[in-house]
Amino acid sequence: MTATIGAPAPEFTLKDQNQQDVSLASFRGNKRVVLIFYPLDWSPVCTKEHACLVNDMKRFEQLDAQVLGLSVDSVWSHKAYAEKMGIHYPLLADFHPRGVVASKYGVFLEDKGITGRAISIIDRDGKLAWHKNYDIPVVPGVDEVTKALEGVK
């Protein structure tokens, strides 16, 4: 089963690169969430994607949105990657059991054992407001995502 636009977004609590629990529910009523699903830390396309996010983080802050990265990599990989890339937003480890959260959103590629590339926007009420899947070699455009975010309450 995959998440449905307009329905409550699938809940989760995962560890970030600092071994802190991050729960989707903790943002309800407060911030919109931009959930960035990406295949793997350290891969070339993912590195370009995160570089774009880091460079444009002010746009997300101005739109009162919390960016969360999510892949099947471990907390330790996320920590090293975040330090190398200058990432200050949470990178969530959907590591064990592998891909459970990504599966709830319909983006876990079980045959490859990785998360697909996708972006979901969750509104302040906890509902899935926007979702787009991307081909693995495509870097999602920040302009497209921020435009979609502007239309979400």
Protein backbone atom coordinates (compact mmCIF):
# COMPACT_ATOMS: atom_id res chain seq x y z
CA MET A 1 0.00 0.00 0.00
CA THR A 2 1.28 3.47 -0.83
CA ALA A 3 0.51 6.83 0.69
CA THR A 4 -2.40 8.78 -0.81
CA ILE A 5 -2.57 12.53 -1.45
CA GLY A 6 -5.02 14.10 1.01
CA ALA A 7 -4.84 11.18 3.44
CA PRO A 8 -2.83 11.17 6.67
CA ALA A 9 0.85 10.65 5.87
CA PRO A 10 2.25 7.37 7.19
CA GLU A 11 3.73 7.97 10.64
CA PHE A 12 7.28 7.10 11.53
CA THR A 13 9.99 7.59 14.11
CA LEU A 14 13.56 7.05 12.92
CA LYS A 15 17.05 7.88 14.16
CA ASP A 16 18.90 10.74 12.53
CA GLN A 17 22.63 11.19 12.01
CA ASN A 18 23.00 12.28 15.66
CA GLN A 19 21.15 9.19 16.93
CA GLN A 20 18.16 11.34 17.90
CA ASP A 21 14.63 10.07 17.36
CA VAL A 22 12.78 12.12 14.75
CA SER A 23 9.04 11.60 14.58
CA LEU A 24 6.78 12.90 11.84
CA ALA A 25 4.11 13.57 14.48
CA SER A 26 6.41 16.06 16.25
CA PHE A 27 5.95 18.54 13.37
CA ARG A 28 2.13 18.36 13.28
CA GLY A 29 0.48 21.72 13.89
CA ASN A 30 3.84 23.45 13.63
CA LYS A 31 5.70 22.98 10.33
CA ARG A 32 5.20 21.51 6.92
CA VAL A 33 7.61 18.67 6.20
CA VAL A 34 9.56 18.12 2.99
CA LEU A 35 10.52 14.46 3.05
CA ILE A 36 13.39 13.75 0.65
CA PHE A 37 13.69 10.05 -0.22
CA TYR A 38 17.05 9.29 -1.81
CA PRO A 39 18.85 6.05 -2.72
CA LEU A 40 22.20 6.21 -0.93
CA ASP A 41 24.63 8.49 0.85
CA TRP A 42 27.80 9.13 -1.16
CA SER A 43 26.35 8.42 -4.61
CA PRO A 44 26.98 11.15 -7.22
CA VAL A 45 23.36 12.13 -7.93
CA CYS A 46 22.38 12.09 -4.25
CA THR A 47 25.40 14.26 -3.47
CA LYS A 48 24.27 16.80 -6.10
CA GLU A 49 20.72 16.71 -4.71
CA HIS A 50 21.86 17.38 -1.14
CA ALA A 51 24.26 20.11 -2.30
CA CYS A 52 21.28 21.88 -3.91
CA LEU A 53 19.22 21.50 -0.73
CA VAL A 54 22.04 22.81 1.47
CA ASN A 55 22.56 25.79 -0.85
CA ASP A 56 18.83 26.64 -0.92
CA MET A 57 17.97 25.84 2.72
CA LYS A 58 16.96 29.47 3.35
CA ARG A 59 14.08 29.06 0.89
CA PHE A 60 12.68 26.17 2.92
CA GLU A 61 13.17 28.07 6.16
CA GLN A 62 11.34 31.10 4.72
CA LEU A 63 8.46 28.79 3.77
CA ASP A 64 8.39 27.46 7.36
CA ALA A 65 9.18 23.91 6.30
CA GLN A 66 11.33 21.20 7.86
CA VAL A 67 13.47 19.22 5.42
CA LEU A 68 14.08 15.57 6.31
CA GLY A 69 16.31 13.28 4.23
CA LEU A 70 15.60 9.55 4.31
CA SER A 71 17.48 6.56 2.93
CA VAL A 72 18.31 3.00 3.91
CA ASP A 73 21.83 3.98 5.01
CA SER A 74 22.90 3.58 8.63
CA VAL A 75 23.08 6.34 11.24
CA TRP A 76 26.89 6.14 11.00
CA SER A 77 26.93 6.62 7.24
CA HIS A 78 24.50 9.55 7.61
CA LYS A 79 26.73 11.14 10.26
CA ALA A 80 29.86 11.01 8.10
CA TYR A 81 27.91 12.15 5.02
CA ALA A 82 26.26 15.07 6.84
CA GLU A 83 29.61 16.24 8.20
CA LYS A 84 31.25 16.03 4.76
CA MET A 85 28.35 17.77 2.98
CA GLY A 86 27.56 20.42 5.62
CA ILE A 87 24.04 19.03 6.10
CA HIS A 88 22.26 20.35 9.18
CA TYR A 89 18.78 18.94 8.56
CA PRO A 90 18.02 15.41 9.81
CA LEU A 91 19.07 12.44 7.68
CA LEU A 92 16.88 9.54 8.75
CA ALA A 93 18.08 5.95 8.79
CA ASP A 94 15.40 3.61 7.38
CA PHE A 95 17.95 0.90 8.04
CA HIS A 96 16.44 -1.86 10.17
CA PRO A 97 14.14 -3.27 9.16
CA ARG A 98 15.39 -2.02 5.83
CA GLY A 99 13.04 0.27 3.92
CA VAL A 100 10.00 0.00 6.21
CA VAL A 101 9.15 3.71 6.09
CA ALA A 102 10.00 4.09 2.39
CA SER A 103 7.66 1.12 1.72
CA LYS A 104 4.79 2.95 3.44
CA TYR A 105 5.28 5.78 0.94
CA GLY A 106 5.64 3.38 -1.99
CA VAL A 107 9.26 4.30 -2.74
CA PHE A 108 11.31 1.33 -1.47
CA LEU A 109 12.89 -0.56 -4.36
CA GLU A 110 12.95 -4.01 -2.82
CA ASP A 111 14.71 -5.65 -5.78
CA LYS A 112 17.62 -3.19 -5.37
CA GLY A 113 17.46 -2.88 -1.58
CA ILE A 114 17.43 0.93 -1.76
CA THR A 115 15.08 3.85 -1.46
CA GLY A 116 13.87 5.31 -4.73
CA ARG A 117 14.21 9.03 -5.40
CA ALA A 118 11.03 10.89 -4.41
CA ILE A 119 9.83 13.92 -2.50
CA SER A 120 6.74 14.15 -0.31
CA ILE A 121 5.32 17.28 1.26
CA ILE A 122 3.27 16.80 4.43
CA ASP A 123 1.04 19.65 5.57
CA ARG A 124 0.76 20.99 9.13
CA ASP A 125 -2.21 18.68 9.74
CA GLY A 126 -0.09 15.62 8.95
CA LYS A 127 -1.68 14.94 5.56
CA LEU A 128 0.24 14.06 2.43
CA ALA A 129 -0.20 17.18 0.29
CA TRP A 130 2.22 16.52 -2.61
CA HIS A 131 4.37 13.65 -3.82
CA LYS A 132 6.55 13.08 -6.84
CA ASN A 133 8.73 10.14 -7.86
CA TYR A 134 11.88 10.85 -9.85
CA ASP A 135 14.12 8.59 -11.91
CA ILE A 136 17.21 7.61 -9.92
CA PRO A 137 19.65 9.59 -12.13
CA VAL A 138 17.53 12.79 -11.92
CA VAL A 139 18.30 15.59 -9.45
CA PRO A 140 14.92 17.03 -8.35
CA GLY A 141 14.58 20.75 -8.91
CA VAL A 142 14.40 22.88 -5.78
CA ASP A 143 12.24 25.41 -7.68
CA GLU A 144 9.61 22.76 -8.39
CA VAL A 145 9.55 21.63 -4.77
CA THR A 146 9.38 25.13 -3.28
CA LYS A 147 6.60 26.06 -5.72
CA ALA A 148 4.62 23.00 -4.59
CA LEU A 149 5.36 23.90 -0.96
CA GLU A 150 4.00 27.41 -1.45
CA GLY A 151 0.63 25.87 -2.30
CA VAL A 152 0.45 23.76 0.88
CA LYS A 153 -1.16 25.19 4.01
